[in-house]
Structures are given as C-alpha cells and as structure tokens.
Amino acid sequence: MDELSPLGRVLRGVAMVVATGTVQVMAQLALSRLMDVIPTPKFSTHQTSYMILHSVLAVLVLMAGHALQVTMWALLYYDWGELGSFAHSFYFSLASFTTLGANDLTLSNGHRIAGAVESAVGMLMFGWSTALLVRVVQRTDRDYEK
C-alpha cells in the first residue's frame, strides 16, 4: 500500500502530469521531424497518396505517444498492487485516459483521485493531439495548393 503523505501524493500526481506532458512533447517533436523527412512532392501525380501517408503516420506517432502515456500510468497503478495484474492496471489506465472509465475496476479511496487526474490529463493530451493532426492536414493541404 502507499505510504506517502497527502503532500507526497500531490507531488507524485504533479510528477505524473509532467511526465505525461513530456511524452506528448516528444511525440510532437517526432511528428514534426517525420513530416520534414517525408516531403510533399509539389507536382506529384500521387498527391492524395502523400496526404494519406502523412495523416496515417501522424496518427500512428501520436497514438504511440498515448500508448506510452497510458503505460506510465498503468505502471503506477501496478506498483500500488490494487488492481492485481498489469493487464488490469493497463485496462484501468486506458479506460481512465480515454475518459471511458472502468466500472469493473476501482482504486482504493486513497488512490482514486489518480484515476480522475489521469482522465483530465488524457482529455488534454487528446485535445493536443487533435490540434497537431489539424496542423498536419493544413500543412499538407497548403503544400499541395502551391
């Protein structure tokens, strides 16, 4: 069981939020580099194919970032030992991160706020990813119009 003081729990929560945001920034940087590596041929006859490639790769990079974020939270839950297996911890984390919620699994009263914090962070991260996807699509459209 967790032996941290209330302040320690808050600080651990802040650390998890910072770690989640850091992974999101790393995914954003990877996406930016990838978009630079895969150029958009201005006069290609396969412009639609490049647009699809850019969009699909952007989704894959951002989803990989989200998978890592969910895994970090799952490792925290697993370390607490409340949900049994890592599979249960991962499911709970994924359900919390996507704001779906896992009705069949619950954390103890001392830890339940973590699931709510993860949900709030997950909403922010998906919103951030949506903004990045819009940017990729706009950039791709702009490159094709030239």
Protein backbone atom coordinates (compact mmCIF):
# COMPACT_ATOMS: atom_id res chain seq x y z
CA MET A 1 0.00 0.00 0.00
CA ASP A 2 1.01 3.62 -0.49
CA GLU A 3 2.76 5.20 2.47
CA LEU A 4 3.09 8.74 1.13
CA SER A 5 1.74 11.75 2.96
CA PRO A 6 -1.04 13.76 1.30
CA LEU A 7 1.59 16.24 0.10
CA GLY A 8 3.66 13.36 -1.27
CA ARG A 9 0.64 12.08 -3.18
CA VAL A 10 0.03 15.53 -4.67
CA LEU A 11 3.67 15.81 -5.68
CA ARG A 12 3.58 12.34 -7.25
CA GLY A 13 0.45 13.40 -9.17
CA VAL A 14 2.18 16.54 -10.40
CA ALA A 15 5.16 14.41 -11.46
CA MET A 16 2.85 12.09 -13.43
CA VAL A 17 1.22 15.07 -15.16
CA VAL A 18 4.66 16.47 -16.04
CA ALA A 19 5.81 13.05 -17.31
CA THR A 20 2.66 12.69 -19.42
CA GLY A 21 3.14 16.16 -20.92
CA THR A 22 6.80 15.42 -21.59
CA VAL A 23 5.90 12.30 -23.57
CA GLN A 24 3.37 14.37 -25.54
CA VAL A 25 6.05 16.92 -26.40
CA MET A 26 8.36 14.09 -27.50
CA ALA A 27 5.60 12.72 -29.75
CA GLN A 28 5.06 16.21 -31.16
CA LEU A 29 8.78 16.58 -31.90
CA ALA A 30 8.89 13.13 -33.51
CA LEU A 31 5.88 14.04 -35.63
CA SER A 32 7.47 17.32 -36.69
CA ARG A 33 10.71 15.59 -37.69
CA LEU A 34 8.81 12.89 -39.55
CA MET A 35 6.86 15.46 -41.55
CA ASP A 36 10.18 17.07 -42.53
CA VAL A 37 11.66 13.71 -43.56
CA ILE A 38 8.69 12.75 -45.73
CA PRO A 39 8.48 15.67 -48.14
CA THR A 40 5.43 16.63 -50.09
CA PRO A 41 6.20 16.49 -53.81
CA LYS A 42 4.65 19.70 -55.10
CA PHE A 43 3.87 18.46 -58.60
CA SER A 44 3.42 14.76 -57.97
CA THR A 45 0.63 12.87 -59.64
CA HIS A 46 0.21 10.95 -56.35
CA GLN A 47 -0.65 13.87 -54.08
CA THR A 48 -3.56 12.03 -52.48
CA SER A 49 -1.27 9.15 -51.56
CA TYR A 50 1.15 11.52 -49.84
CA MET A 51 -1.70 13.18 -47.97
CA ILE A 52 -2.91 9.79 -46.74
CA LEU A 53 0.64 8.79 -45.80
CA HIS A 54 1.19 12.00 -43.81
CA SER A 55 -2.13 11.67 -41.99
CA VAL A 56 -1.75 7.97 -41.15
CA LEU A 57 1.82 8.43 -39.95
CA ALA A 58 0.73 11.36 -37.79
CA VAL A 59 -1.98 9.24 -36.18
CA LEU A 60 0.48 6.38 -35.58
CA VAL A 61 3.09 8.64 -33.97
CA LEU A 62 0.55 10.32 -31.72
CA MET A 63 -1.08 7.01 -30.76
CA ALA A 64 2.34 5.61 -29.87
CA GLY A 65 2.79 8.60 -27.57
CA HIS A 66 -0.61 7.96 -25.98
CA ALA A 67 0.20 4.27 -25.54
CA LEU A 68 3.38 5.23 -23.69
CA GLN A 69 1.46 7.69 -21.52
CA VAL A 70 -1.16 5.06 -20.64
CA THR A 71 1.61 2.57 -19.86
CA MET A 72 3.27 5.00 -17.46
CA TRP A 73 0.04 5.43 -15.52
CA ALA A 74 -0.56 1.65 -15.62
CA LEU A 75 2.88 1.06 -14.11
CA LEU A 76 1.95 3.39 -11.26
CA TYR A 77 -1.28 1.51 -10.61
CA TYR A 78 0.51 -1.83 -10.88
CA ASP A 79 3.13 -0.66 -8.40
CA TRP A 80 0.35 0.03 -5.92
CA GLY A 81 -0.82 -3.57 -6.32
CA GLU A 82 -4.50 -2.71 -6.07
CA LEU A 83 -5.69 -3.94 -9.43
CA GLY A 84 -3.96 -7.31 -9.42
CA SER A 85 -2.24 -7.88 -12.73
CA PHE A 86 -0.52 -5.46 -15.08
CA ALA A 87 -3.23 -6.25 -17.65
CA HIS A 88 -5.88 -4.96 -15.23
CA SER A 89 -3.75 -1.90 -14.47
CA PHE A 90 -3.29 -1.20 -18.18
CA TYR A 91 -7.03 -1.61 -18.86
CA PHE A 92 -7.89 0.70 -15.96
CA SER A 93 -5.35 3.26 -17.19
CA LEU A 94 -6.61 3.12 -20.77
CA ALA A 95 -10.20 3.47 -19.62
CA SER A 96 -9.27 6.41 -17.42
CA PHE A 97 -7.06 8.12 -20.02
CA THR A 98 -9.81 7.97 -22.64
CA THR A 99 -12.37 9.13 -20.05
CA LEU A 100 -14.44 5.99 -20.66
CA GLY A 101 -13.96 4.77 -17.10
CA ALA A 102 -13.55 1.21 -15.90
CA ASN A 103 -16.67 0.36 -13.91
CA ASP A 104 -15.44 -3.13 -13.11
CA LEU A 105 -12.14 -1.96 -11.53
CA THR A 106 -11.64 0.62 -8.82
CA LEU A 107 -8.79 2.08 -6.85
CA SER A 108 -8.90 2.42 -3.08
CA ASN A 109 -10.12 5.68 -1.56
CA GLY A 110 -6.54 6.84 -1.03
CA HIS A 111 -5.71 6.45 -4.72
CA ARG A 112 -8.96 7.05 -6.58
CA ILE A 113 -8.15 10.68 -7.31
CA ALA A 114 -5.31 9.42 -9.54
CA GLY A 115 -7.83 7.94 -11.99
CA ALA A 116 -9.65 11.28 -12.16
CA VAL A 117 -6.39 13.17 -12.69
CA GLU A 118 -5.43 10.73 -15.45
CA SER A 119 -8.81 11.34 -17.12
CA ALA A 120 -8.28 15.10 -17.04
CA VAL A 121 -4.76 14.73 -18.44
CA GLY A 122 -5.99 12.29 -21.09
CA MET A 123 -8.57 14.81 -22.28
CA LEU A 124 -5.87 17.45 -22.58
CA MET A 125 -3.49 15.10 -24.42
CA PHE A 126 -6.15 14.03 -26.93
CA GLY A 127 -7.08 17.67 -27.50
CA TRP A 128 -3.41 18.48 -28.05
CA SER A 129 -3.09 15.58 -30.48
CA THR A 130 -6.18 16.74 -32.36
CA ALA A 131 -4.61 20.17 -32.76
CA LEU A 132 -1.43 18.55 -34.08
CA LEU A 133 -3.40 16.43 -36.57
CA VAL A 134 -5.22 19.52 -37.81
CA ARG A 135 -1.83 21.20 -38.27
CA VAL A 136 -0.54 18.23 -40.30
CA VAL A 137 -3.62 18.25 -42.54
CA GLN A 138 -3.45 22.02 -43.03
CA ARG A 139 0.25 21.85 -43.82
CA THR A 140 -0.31 19.03 -46.30
CA ASP A 141 -3.20 20.89 -47.96
CA ARG A 142 -1.15 24.09 -48.13
CA ASP A 143 1.78 22.25 -49.72
CA TYR A 144 -0.50 20.79 -52.40
CA GLU A 145 -2.00 24.15 -53.29
CA LYS A 146 1.36 25.68 -54.23
